[in-house]
Amino acid sequence: MITLSSVDINTWIAALLWPLSRILGLIAAAPLFGNPGVPARVKVGLGLLLAMVIGPTIPALPAADPMSMAGLLILIQEMLIGLGIGFSIRIVFAAVEMAGEISSLTMGLGFASFFDPQTRGRSSAISQFLALLATLAFLSVNGHLVLLSALAESFISLPISASPINGGGFLQLANWGGRIFSAGLQLSLPIVAALLITNVALGILTRAAPQLNLFGIGFPITLTVGMAMIGMVLPFLSTPLQNLFLEGIETGRSLPRTWASKAPPPVPTLAPLAPPRN
């Protein structure tokens, strides 16, 4: 006769609940998986499937009751780890969306905004177009599978433990968030540069012929130049997008190792000024 004790039941619950919390955290924050258009039942079902596949391969779990205070703290910590890994990839898509916002504002399409279901806010048409393009590129390079592989590796580099994680991973994630502005500006730089030259040329033309109506001819010209530049830039976006995806996934992989490290996070210091030359 098979007998089950409360210890065995708690062990089975913890073996499913704690890995599931990290997996659901990634699904909630990562792009494509956490899209609001995906039903919640599908997200939970995918999380349960991944937990049943990854669960038998993870190291030994801490001996703690999942319903106790220590178990709840482990649950919250695992959720934060999953959210951090997923958010590192979401930053890449935020950089692409920022490139679209900068391009649309420079083109004069700031008024052409629509509801974005991903951010639950208003975004420009160019931003949504580039976000869809980045999603297709992410799927074409199997970035979603690499992301799930990084999630499975995180259970080895950062096993489920009752000891708290350090703050170095959060500092690294905050520093990685600054990539939104630099990458967004770099992606939109060809369009912004072409439109800057166009606006300078229109200014010189208006100065030479004041009878021309700048407001009447300026908007169609900048819009045409902006659309033409987008069409010229699109074939060359695959390489920078792949590099951004690679940086995001590598950041997501390094976060668990940083959290598992017991060394204190490095304190940023300013570089000393060079001595004046005579």
C-alpha atoms as a PDB file:
ATOM      1  CA  MET A   1       0.000   0.000   0.000  1.00  0.00           C
ATOM      2  CA  ILE A   2       1.331   3.390  -1.017  1.00  0.00           C
ATOM      3  CA  THR A   3       1.278   6.005   1.727  1.00  0.00           C
ATOM      4  CA  LEU A   4       1.958   9.698   1.241  1.00  0.00           C
ATOM      5  CA  SER A   5       2.984  12.053   3.971  1.00  0.00           C
ATOM      6  CA  SER A   6       2.633  15.808   4.101  1.00  0.00           C
ATOM      7  CA  VAL A   7       6.358  16.134   3.490  1.00  0.00           C
ATOM      8  CA  ASP A   8       6.074  14.264   0.185  1.00  0.00           C
ATOM      9  CA  ILE A   9       3.111  16.370  -0.933  1.00  0.00           C
ATOM     10  CA  ASN A  10       4.906  19.612  -0.044  1.00  0.00           C
ATOM     11  CA  THR A  11       7.986  18.446  -1.968  1.00  0.00           C
ATOM     12  CA  TRP A  12       5.899  17.760  -5.080  1.00  0.00           C
ATOM     13  CA  ILE A  13       4.146  21.113  -4.804  1.00  0.00           C
ATOM     14  CA  ALA A  14       7.443  22.962  -4.383  1.00  0.00           C
ATOM     15  CA  ALA A  15       9.022  21.087  -7.319  1.00  0.00           C
ATOM     16  CA  LEU A  16       6.279  22.459  -9.575  1.00  0.00           C
ATOM     17  CA  LEU A  17       5.411  25.788  -7.965  1.00  0.00           C
ATOM     18  CA  TRP A  18       8.850  27.368  -7.609  1.00  0.00           C
ATOM     19  CA  PRO A  19      10.101  26.686 -11.166  1.00  0.00           C
ATOM     20  CA  LEU A  20       6.667  27.697 -12.480  1.00  0.00           C
ATOM     21  CA  SER A  21       6.918  31.103 -10.807  1.00  0.00           C
ATOM     22  CA  ARG A  22      10.219  31.874 -12.572  1.00  0.00           C
ATOM     23  CA  ILE A  23       8.848  30.644 -15.902  1.00  0.00           C
ATOM     24  CA  LEU A  24       5.630  32.645 -15.589  1.00  0.00           C
ATOM     25  CA  GLY A  25       7.656  35.724 -14.664  1.00  0.00           C
ATOM     26  CA  LEU A  26       9.582  35.435 -17.927  1.00  0.00           C
ATOM     27  CA  ILE A  27       6.414  34.795 -19.925  1.00  0.00           C
ATOM     28  CA  ALA A  28       4.773  37.870 -18.400  1.00  0.00           C
ATOM     29  CA  ALA A  29       7.685  40.227 -19.186  1.00  0.00           C
ATOM     30  CA  ALA A  30       9.244  38.841 -22.364  1.00  0.00           C
ATOM     31  CA  PRO A  31       8.020  40.072 -25.752  1.00  0.00           C
ATOM     32  CA  LEU A  32       5.899  37.763 -27.870  1.00  0.00           C
ATOM     33  CA  PHE A  33       5.120  35.522 -24.879  1.00  0.00           C
ATOM     34  CA  GLY A  34       3.704  38.338 -22.756  1.00  0.00           C
ATOM     35  CA  ASN A  35       1.676  39.962 -25.519  1.00  0.00           C
ATOM     36  CA  PRO A  36      -1.779  40.915 -24.201  1.00  0.00           C
ATOM     37  CA  GLY A  37      -3.278  39.323 -27.305  1.00  0.00           C
ATOM     38  CA  VAL A  38      -2.219  35.892 -26.049  1.00  0.00           C
ATOM     39  CA  PRO A  39      -4.920  34.441 -23.745  1.00  0.00           C
ATOM     40  CA  ALA A  40      -3.993  33.950 -20.104  1.00  0.00           C
ATOM     41  CA  ARG A  41      -4.900  30.253 -20.321  1.00  0.00           C
ATOM     42  CA  VAL A  42      -2.350  29.778 -23.091  1.00  0.00           C
ATOM     43  CA  LYS A  43       0.350  31.513 -21.028  1.00  0.00           C
ATOM     44  CA  VAL A  44      -0.383  29.424 -17.937  1.00  0.00           C
ATOM     45  CA  GLY A  45      -0.561  26.247 -20.016  1.00  0.00           C
ATOM     46  CA  LEU A  46       2.795  27.011 -21.624  1.00  0.00           C
ATOM     47  CA  GLY A  47       4.278  27.734 -18.207  1.00  0.00           C
ATOM     48  CA  LEU A  48       3.001  24.439 -16.797  1.00  0.00           C
ATOM     49  CA  LEU A  49       4.373  22.539 -19.789  1.00  0.00           C
ATOM     50  CA  LEU A  50       7.790  24.143 -19.450  1.00  0.00           C
ATOM     51  CA  ALA A  51       7.776  23.550 -15.680  1.00  0.00           C
ATOM     52  CA  MET A  52       7.067  19.842 -16.181  1.00  0.00           C
ATOM     53  CA  VAL A  53       9.883  19.623 -18.747  1.00  0.00           C
ATOM     54  CA  ILE A  54      12.483  21.673 -16.835  1.00  0.00           C
ATOM     55  CA  GLY A  55      11.476  20.569 -13.319  1.00  0.00           C
ATOM     56  CA  PRO A  56      13.182  17.136 -13.332  1.00  0.00           C
ATOM     57  CA  THR A  57      16.503  18.655 -14.510  1.00  0.00           C
ATOM     58  CA  ILE A  58      16.954  21.357 -11.871  1.00  0.00           C
ATOM     59  CA  PRO A  59      19.195  20.862  -8.796  1.00  0.00           C
ATOM     60  CA  ALA A  60      17.884  19.914  -5.377  1.00  0.00           C
ATOM     61  CA  LEU A  61      15.312  22.283  -3.916  1.00  0.00           C
ATOM     62  CA  PRO A  62      15.605  23.855  -0.461  1.00  0.00           C
ATOM     63  CA  ALA A  63      13.852  22.060   2.359  1.00  0.00           C
ATOM     64  CA  ALA A  64      11.136  24.618   3.015  1.00  0.00           C
ATOM     65  CA  ASP A  65       7.383  24.424   3.215  1.00  0.00           C
ATOM     66  CA  PRO A  66       5.969  26.168   0.084  1.00  0.00           C
ATOM     67  CA  MET A  67       3.102  27.539   2.208  1.00  0.00           C
ATOM     68  CA  SER A  68       5.351  28.995   4.898  1.00  0.00           C
ATOM     69  CA  MET A  69       6.860  32.480   4.964  1.00  0.00           C
ATOM     70  CA  ALA A  70      10.187  31.137   3.674  1.00  0.00           C
ATOM     71  CA  GLY A  71       8.396  29.379   0.815  1.00  0.00           C
ATOM     72  CA  LEU A  72       6.511  32.542  -0.138  1.00  0.00           C
ATOM     73  CA  LEU A  73       9.774  34.525  -0.139  1.00  0.00           C
ATOM     74  CA  ILE A  74      11.313  31.951  -2.478  1.00  0.00           C
ATOM     75  CA  LEU A  75       8.246  32.214  -4.696  1.00  0.00           C
ATOM     76  CA  ILE A  76       8.550  36.013  -4.909  1.00  0.00           C
ATOM     77  CA  GLN A  77      12.283  35.801  -5.541  1.00  0.00           C
ATOM     78  CA  GLU A  78      11.802  33.337  -8.407  1.00  0.00           C
ATOM     79  CA  MET A  79       9.157  35.591  -9.919  1.00  0.00           C
ATOM     80  CA  LEU A  80      11.580  38.540  -9.807  1.00  0.00           C
ATOM     81  CA  ILE A  81      14.292  36.483 -11.497  1.00  0.00           C
ATOM     82  CA  GLY A  82      11.967  35.520 -14.338  1.00  0.00           C
ATOM     83  CA  LEU A  83      10.759  39.103 -14.727  1.00  0.00           C
ATOM     84  CA  GLY A  84      14.347  40.343 -14.912  1.00  0.00           C
ATOM     85  CA  ILE A  85      15.330  37.870 -17.644  1.00  0.00           C
ATOM     86  CA  GLY A  86      12.228  38.670 -19.695  1.00  0.00           C
ATOM     87  CA  PHE A  87      12.622  42.407 -19.192  1.00  0.00           C
ATOM     88  CA  SER A  88      16.168  42.293 -20.580  1.00  0.00           C
ATOM     89  CA  ILE A  89      14.712  41.184 -23.929  1.00  0.00           C
ATOM     90  CA  ARG A  90      11.833  43.644 -23.704  1.00  0.00           C
ATOM     91  CA  ILE A  91      14.370  46.474 -23.584  1.00  0.00           C
ATOM     92  CA  VAL A  92      15.504  45.553 -27.107  1.00  0.00           C
ATOM     93  CA  PHE A  93      11.979  45.975 -28.467  1.00  0.00           C
ATOM     94  CA  ALA A  94      11.624  49.229 -26.541  1.00  0.00           C
ATOM     95  CA  ALA A  95      14.734  50.514 -28.334  1.00  0.00           C
ATOM     96  CA  VAL A  96      13.202  49.616 -31.712  1.00  0.00           C
ATOM     97  CA  GLU A  97       9.962  51.362 -30.752  1.00  0.00           C
ATOM     98  CA  MET A  98      11.892  54.448 -29.681  1.00  0.00           C
ATOM     99  CA  ALA A  99      13.622  54.496 -33.076  1.00  0.00           C
ATOM    100  CA  GLY A 100      10.177  54.546 -34.681  1.00  0.00           C
ATOM    101  CA  GLU A 101       9.034  57.372 -32.403  1.00  0.00           C
ATOM    102  CA  ILE A 102      12.063  59.497 -33.249  1.00  0.00           C
ATOM    103  CA  SER A 103      11.628  58.840 -36.972  1.00  0.00           C
ATOM    104  CA  SER A 104       7.911  59.637 -36.959  1.00  0.00           C
ATOM    105  CA  LEU A 105       8.376  62.868 -35.016  1.00  0.00           C
ATOM    106  CA  THR A 106      11.108  63.992 -37.402  1.00  0.00           C
ATOM    107  CA  MET A 107       8.931  63.154 -40.410  1.00  0.00           C
ATOM    108  CA  GLY A 108       5.982  65.073 -38.986  1.00  0.00           C
ATOM    109  CA  LEU A 109       3.876  61.983 -38.305  1.00  0.00           C
ATOM    110  CA  GLY A 110       3.598  62.589 -34.592  1.00  0.00           C
ATOM    111  CA  PHE A 111      -0.161  62.937 -34.936  1.00  0.00           C
ATOM    112  CA  ALA A 112      -0.506  59.501 -36.603  1.00  0.00           C
ATOM    113  CA  SER A 113      -0.702  57.494 -33.366  1.00  0.00           C
ATOM    114  CA  PHE A 114      -2.628  54.331 -32.581  1.00  0.00           C
ATOM    115  CA  PHE A 115      -3.336  52.201 -29.539  1.00  0.00           C
ATOM    116  CA  ASP A 116      -0.485  49.798 -28.841  1.00  0.00           C
ATOM    117  CA  PRO A 117      -1.731  46.610 -27.110  1.00  0.00           C
ATOM    118  CA  GLN A 118       1.801  45.748 -25.968  1.00  0.00           C
ATOM    119  CA  THR A 119       2.360  48.893 -23.913  1.00  0.00           C
ATOM    120  CA  ARG A 120      -1.353  49.752 -23.497  1.00  0.00           C
ATOM    121  CA  GLY A 121      -0.624  53.289 -24.660  1.00  0.00           C
ATOM    122  CA  ARG A 122      -0.404  55.427 -27.765  1.00  0.00           C
ATOM    123  CA  SER A 123       2.406  54.865 -30.247  1.00  0.00           C
ATOM    124  CA  SER A 124       3.116  56.128 -33.723  1.00  0.00           C
ATOM    125  CA  ALA A 125       2.487  54.186 -36.906  1.00  0.00           C
ATOM    126  CA  ILE A 126       6.214  53.972 -37.721  1.00  0.00           C
ATOM    127  CA  SER A 127       6.920  52.665 -34.223  1.00  0.00           C
ATOM    128  CA  GLN A 128       4.343  49.902 -34.546  1.00  0.00           C
ATOM    129  CA  PHE A 129       5.652  49.009 -38.001  1.00  0.00           C
ATOM    130  CA  LEU A 130       9.223  48.656 -36.729  1.00  0.00           C
ATOM    131  CA  ALA A 131       8.010  46.696 -33.685  1.00  0.00           C
ATOM    132  CA  LEU A 132       6.211  44.210 -35.941  1.00  0.00           C
ATOM    133  CA  LEU A 133       9.315  43.985 -38.102  1.00  0.00           C
ATOM    134  CA  ALA A 134      11.470  43.304 -35.031  1.00  0.00           C
ATOM    135  CA  THR A 135       9.028  40.609 -33.887  1.00  0.00           C
ATOM    136  CA  LEU A 136       9.262  38.855 -37.260  1.00  0.00           C
ATOM    137  CA  ALA A 137      13.055  39.102 -37.153  1.00  0.00           C
ATOM    138  CA  PHE A 138      13.046  37.717 -33.601  1.00  0.00           C
ATOM    139  CA  LEU A 139      11.038  34.712 -34.757  1.00  0.00           C
ATOM    140  CA  SER A 140      13.096  34.196 -37.911  1.00  0.00           C
ATOM    141  CA  VAL A 141      16.345  33.853 -35.945  1.00  0.00           C
ATOM    142  CA  ASN A 142      14.631  31.543 -33.385  1.00  0.00           C
ATOM    143  CA  GLY A 143      15.153  34.101 -30.652  1.00  0.00           C
ATOM    144  CA  HIS A 144      12.175  32.739 -28.696  1.00  0.00           C
ATOM    145  CA  LEU A 145      13.803  29.296 -28.551  1.00  0.00           C
ATOM    146  CA  VAL A 146      17.142  30.772 -27.485  1.00  0.00           C
ATOM    147  CA  LEU A 147      15.315  32.725 -24.776  1.00  0.00           C
ATOM    148  CA  LEU A 148      13.732  29.535 -23.441  1.00  0.00           C
ATOM    149  CA  SER A 149      17.162  27.890 -23.524  1.00  0.00           C
ATOM    150  CA  ALA A 150      18.568  30.758 -21.465  1.00  0.00           C
ATOM    151  CA  LEU A 151      15.700  30.283 -19.017  1.00  0.00           C
ATOM    152  CA  ALA A 152      16.530  26.594 -18.622  1.00  0.00           C
ATOM    153  CA  GLU A 153      20.223  27.440 -18.089  1.00  0.00           C
ATOM    154  CA  SER A 154      19.309  29.935 -15.379  1.00  0.00           C
ATOM    155  CA  PHE A 155      18.178  27.072 -13.107  1.00  0.00           C
ATOM    156  CA  ILE A 156      21.767  25.755 -13.247  1.00  0.00           C
ATOM    157  CA  SER A 157      23.623  29.059 -12.904  1.00  0.00           C
ATOM    158  CA  LEU A 158      21.192  30.297 -10.231  1.00  0.00           C
ATOM    159  CA  PRO A 159      19.505  27.329  -8.507  1.00  0.00           C
ATOM    160  CA  ILE A 160      16.356  27.772  -6.475  1.00  0.00           C
ATOM    161  CA  SER A 161      17.532  28.694  -3.008  1.00  0.00           C
ATOM    162  CA  ALA A 162      16.249  30.271   0.178  1.00  0.00           C
ATOM    163  CA  SER A 163      19.231  32.652   0.337  1.00  0.00           C
ATOM    164  CA  PRO A 164      18.436  36.135  -1.032  1.00  0.00           C
ATOM    165  CA  ILE A 165      19.979  37.376  -4.250  1.00  0.00           C
ATOM    166  CA  ASN A 166      22.290  40.382  -4.272  1.00  0.00           C
ATOM    167  CA  GLY A 167      21.595  43.684  -5.944  1.00  0.00           C
ATOM    168  CA  GLY A 168      24.245  43.394  -8.651  1.00  0.00           C
ATOM    169  CA  GLY A 169      21.762  41.956 -11.138  1.00  0.00           C
ATOM    170  CA  PHE A 170      19.346  44.827 -10.666  1.00  0.00           C
ATOM    171  CA  LEU A 171      22.181  47.327 -11.203  1.00  0.00           C
ATOM    172  CA  GLN A 172      23.178  45.490 -14.373  1.00  0.00           C
ATOM    173  CA  LEU A 173      19.560  45.530 -15.566  1.00  0.00           C
ATOM    174  CA  ALA A 174      19.311  49.279 -14.907  1.00  0.00           C
ATOM    175  CA  ASN A 175      22.515  49.908 -16.859  1.00  0.00           C
ATOM    176  CA  TRP A 176      21.196  47.765 -19.698  1.00  0.00           C
ATOM    177  CA  GLY A 177      18.053  49.918 -19.744  1.00  0.00           C
ATOM    178  CA  GLY A 178      20.155  52.834 -20.968  1.00  0.00           C
ATOM    179  CA  ARG A 179      20.597  50.912 -24.217  1.00  0.00           C
ATOM    180  CA  ILE A 180      17.078  51.993 -25.160  1.00  0.00           C
ATOM    181  CA  PHE A 181      18.217  55.536 -25.903  1.00  0.00           C
ATOM    182  CA  SER A 182      21.525  54.729 -27.595  1.00  0.00           C
ATOM    183  CA  ALA A 183      20.184  51.900 -29.769  1.00  0.00           C
ATOM    184  CA  GLY A 184      17.017  53.814 -30.625  1.00  0.00           C
ATOM    185  CA  LEU A 185      19.032  56.816 -31.761  1.00  0.00           C
ATOM    186  CA  GLN A 186      21.443  54.662 -33.764  1.00  0.00           C
ATOM    187  CA  LEU A 187      18.628  52.873 -35.588  1.00  0.00           C
ATOM    188  CA  SER A 188      16.871  56.125 -36.483  1.00  0.00           C
ATOM    189  CA  LEU A 189      20.037  58.082 -37.281  1.00  0.00           C
ATOM    190  CA  PRO A 190      19.947  57.594 -41.115  1.00  0.00           C
ATOM    191  CA  ILE A 191      16.358  58.832 -41.299  1.00  0.00           C
ATOM    192  CA  VAL A 192      17.003  61.746 -38.946  1.00  0.00           C
ATOM    193  CA  ALA A 193      20.143  62.758 -40.880  1.00  0.00           C
ATOM    194  CA  ALA A 194      18.330  62.664 -44.237  1.00  0.00           C
ATOM    195  CA  LEU A 195      15.432  64.707 -42.871  1.00  0.00           C
ATOM    196  CA  LEU A 196      17.852  67.209 -41.313  1.00  0.00           C
ATOM    197  CA  ILE A 197      19.479  67.777 -44.692  1.00  0.00           C
ATOM    198  CA  THR A 198      16.015  68.090 -46.250  1.00  0.00           C
ATOM    199  CA  ASN A 199      14.925  70.706 -43.707  1.00  0.00           C
ATOM    200  CA  VAL A 200      18.136  72.682 -44.222  1.00  0.00           C
ATOM    201  CA  ALA A 201      17.578  72.600 -47.981  1.00  0.00           C
ATOM    202  CA  LEU A 202      13.979  73.773 -47.531  1.00  0.00           C
ATOM    203  CA  GLY A 203      15.178  76.596 -45.305  1.00  0.00           C
ATOM    204  CA  ILE A 204      17.690  77.752 -47.919  1.00  0.00           C
ATOM    205  CA  LEU A 205      15.035  77.478 -50.644  1.00  0.00           C
ATOM    206  CA  THR A 206      12.592  79.545 -48.636  1.00  0.00           C
ATOM    207  CA  ARG A 207      15.277  82.143 -47.983  1.00  0.00           C
ATOM    208  CA  ALA A 208      16.070  82.350 -51.695  1.00  0.00           C
ATOM    209  CA  ALA A 209      12.407  82.431 -52.791  1.00  0.00           C
ATOM    210  CA  PRO A 210      10.252  83.920 -50.012  1.00  0.00           C
ATOM    211  CA  GLN A 211       7.114  83.633 -52.116  1.00  0.00           C
ATOM    212  CA  LEU A 212       7.143  79.847 -51.654  1.00  0.00           C
ATOM    213  CA  ASN A 213       4.834  78.507 -48.952  1.00  0.00           C
ATOM    214  CA  LEU A 214       7.091  76.450 -46.702  1.00  0.00           C
ATOM    215  CA  PHE A 215       4.167  74.988 -44.735  1.00  0.00           C
ATOM    216  CA  GLY A 216       2.496  73.904 -47.959  1.00  0.00           C
ATOM    217  CA  ILE A 217       5.443  72.116 -49.558  1.00  0.00           C
ATOM    218  CA  GLY A 218       7.503  71.210 -46.495  1.00  0.00           C
ATOM    219  CA  PHE A 219       5.304  68.468 -45.066  1.00  0.00           C
ATOM    220  CA  PRO A 220       4.860  66.470 -48.327  1.00  0.00           C
ATOM    221  CA  ILE A 221       8.593  66.679 -49.048  1.00  0.00           C
ATOM    222  CA  THR A 222       9.696  65.564 -45.569  1.00  0.00           C
ATOM    223  CA  LEU A 223       7.113  62.800 -45.571  1.00  0.00           C
ATOM    224  CA  THR A 224       8.267  61.549 -48.979  1.00  0.00           C
ATOM    225  CA  VAL A 225      11.944  61.667 -47.996  1.00  0.00           C
ATOM    226  CA  GLY A 226      11.216  59.893 -44.718  1.00  0.00           C
ATOM    227  CA  MET A 227       9.276  57.080 -46.399  1.00  0.00           C
ATOM    228  CA  ALA A 228      11.975  56.718 -49.042  1.00  0.00           C
ATOM    229  CA  MET A 229      14.674  56.492 -46.353  1.00  0.00           C
ATOM    230  CA  ILE A 230      12.700  53.876 -44.430  1.00  0.00           C
ATOM    231  CA  GLY A 231      12.445  51.804 -47.615  1.00  0.00           C
ATOM    232  CA  MET A 232      16.193  52.144 -48.185  1.00  0.00           C
ATOM    233  CA  VAL A 233      17.114  51.304 -44.580  1.00  0.00           C
ATOM    234  CA  LEU A 234      14.882  48.238 -44.159  1.00  0.00           C
ATOM    235  CA  PRO A 235      17.158  45.768 -46.053  1.00  0.00           C
ATOM    236  CA  PHE A 236      20.055  46.713 -43.767  1.00  0.00           C
ATOM    237  CA  LEU A 237      18.210  46.394 -40.437  1.00  0.00           C
ATOM    238  CA  SER A 238      18.745  42.642 -40.083  1.00  0.00           C
ATOM    239  CA  THR A 239      22.326  42.908 -38.814  1.00  0.00           C
ATOM    240  CA  PRO A 240      21.747  45.567 -36.090  1.00  0.00           C
ATOM    241  CA  LEU A 241      18.573  43.803 -34.956  1.00  0.00           C
ATOM    242  CA  GLN A 242      20.393  40.480 -34.647  1.00  0.00           C
ATOM    243  CA  ASN A 243      23.156  42.183 -32.667  1.00  0.00           C
ATOM    244  CA  LEU A 244      20.584  43.727 -30.334  1.00  0.00           C
ATOM    245  CA  PHE A 245      18.846  40.376 -29.851  1.00  0.00           C
ATOM    246  CA  LEU A 246      22.208  38.771 -29.085  1.00  0.00           C
ATOM    247  CA  GLU A 247      23.060  41.474 -26.541  1.00  0.00           C
ATOM    248  CA  GLY A 248      19.670  41.124 -24.878  1.00  0.00           C
ATOM    249  CA  ILE A 249      19.879  37.345 -24.602  1.00  0.00           C
ATOM    250  CA  GLU A 250      23.449  37.490 -23.305  1.00  0.00           C
ATOM    251  CA  THR A 251      22.338  40.037 -20.711  1.00  0.00           C
ATOM    252  CA  GLY A 252      19.491  37.721 -19.691  1.00  0.00           C
ATOM    253  CA  ARG A 253      21.975  34.855 -19.356  1.00  0.00           C
ATOM    254  CA  SER A 254      24.412  36.871 -17.271  1.00  0.00           C
ATOM    255  CA  LEU A 255      21.774  38.158 -14.844  1.00  0.00           C
ATOM    256  CA  PRO A 256      21.397  34.835 -12.935  1.00  0.00           C
ATOM    257  CA  ARG A 257      25.174  34.524 -12.648  1.00  0.00           C
ATOM    258  CA  THR A 258      25.359  38.067 -11.278  1.00  0.00           C
ATOM    259  CA  TRP A 259      22.576  37.374  -8.794  1.00  0.00           C
ATOM    260  CA  ALA A 260      24.283  34.158  -7.699  1.00  0.00           C
ATOM    261  CA  SER A 261      27.589  35.929  -7.073  1.00  0.00           C
ATOM    262  CA  LYS A 262      28.253  36.758  -3.452  1.00  0.00           C
ATOM    263  CA  ALA A 263      30.598  39.616  -4.297  1.00  0.00           C
ATOM    264  CA  PRO A 264      29.144  43.107  -3.799  1.00  0.00           C
ATOM    265  CA  PRO A 265      28.190  44.985  -6.957  1.00  0.00           C
ATOM    266  CA  PRO A 266      30.891  47.298  -8.321  1.00  0.00           C
ATOM    267  CA  VAL A 267      30.500  50.946  -7.455  1.00  0.00           C
ATOM    268  CA  PRO A 268      30.720  53.158 -10.554  1.00  0.00           C
ATOM    269  CA  THR A 269      33.431  55.781 -10.305  1.00  0.00           C
ATOM    270  CA  LEU A 270      34.346  58.698 -12.486  1.00  0.00           C
ATOM    271  CA  ALA A 271      37.531  58.476 -14.546  1.00  0.00           C
ATOM    272  CA  PRO A 272      40.227  60.901 -13.406  1.00  0.00           C
ATOM    273  CA  LEU A 273      40.724  63.961 -15.534  1.00  0.00           C
ATOM    274  CA  ALA A 274      43.827  64.113 -17.715  1.00  0.00           C
ATOM    275  CA  PRO A 275      46.474  66.581 -16.503  1.00  0.00           C
ATOM    276  CA  PRO A 276      46.608  69.789 -18.516  1.00  0.00           C
ATOM    277  CA  ARG A 277      49.240  69.990 -21.202  1.00  0.00           C
ATOM    278  CA  ASN A 278      51.702  72.811 -21.295  1.00  0.00           C
END
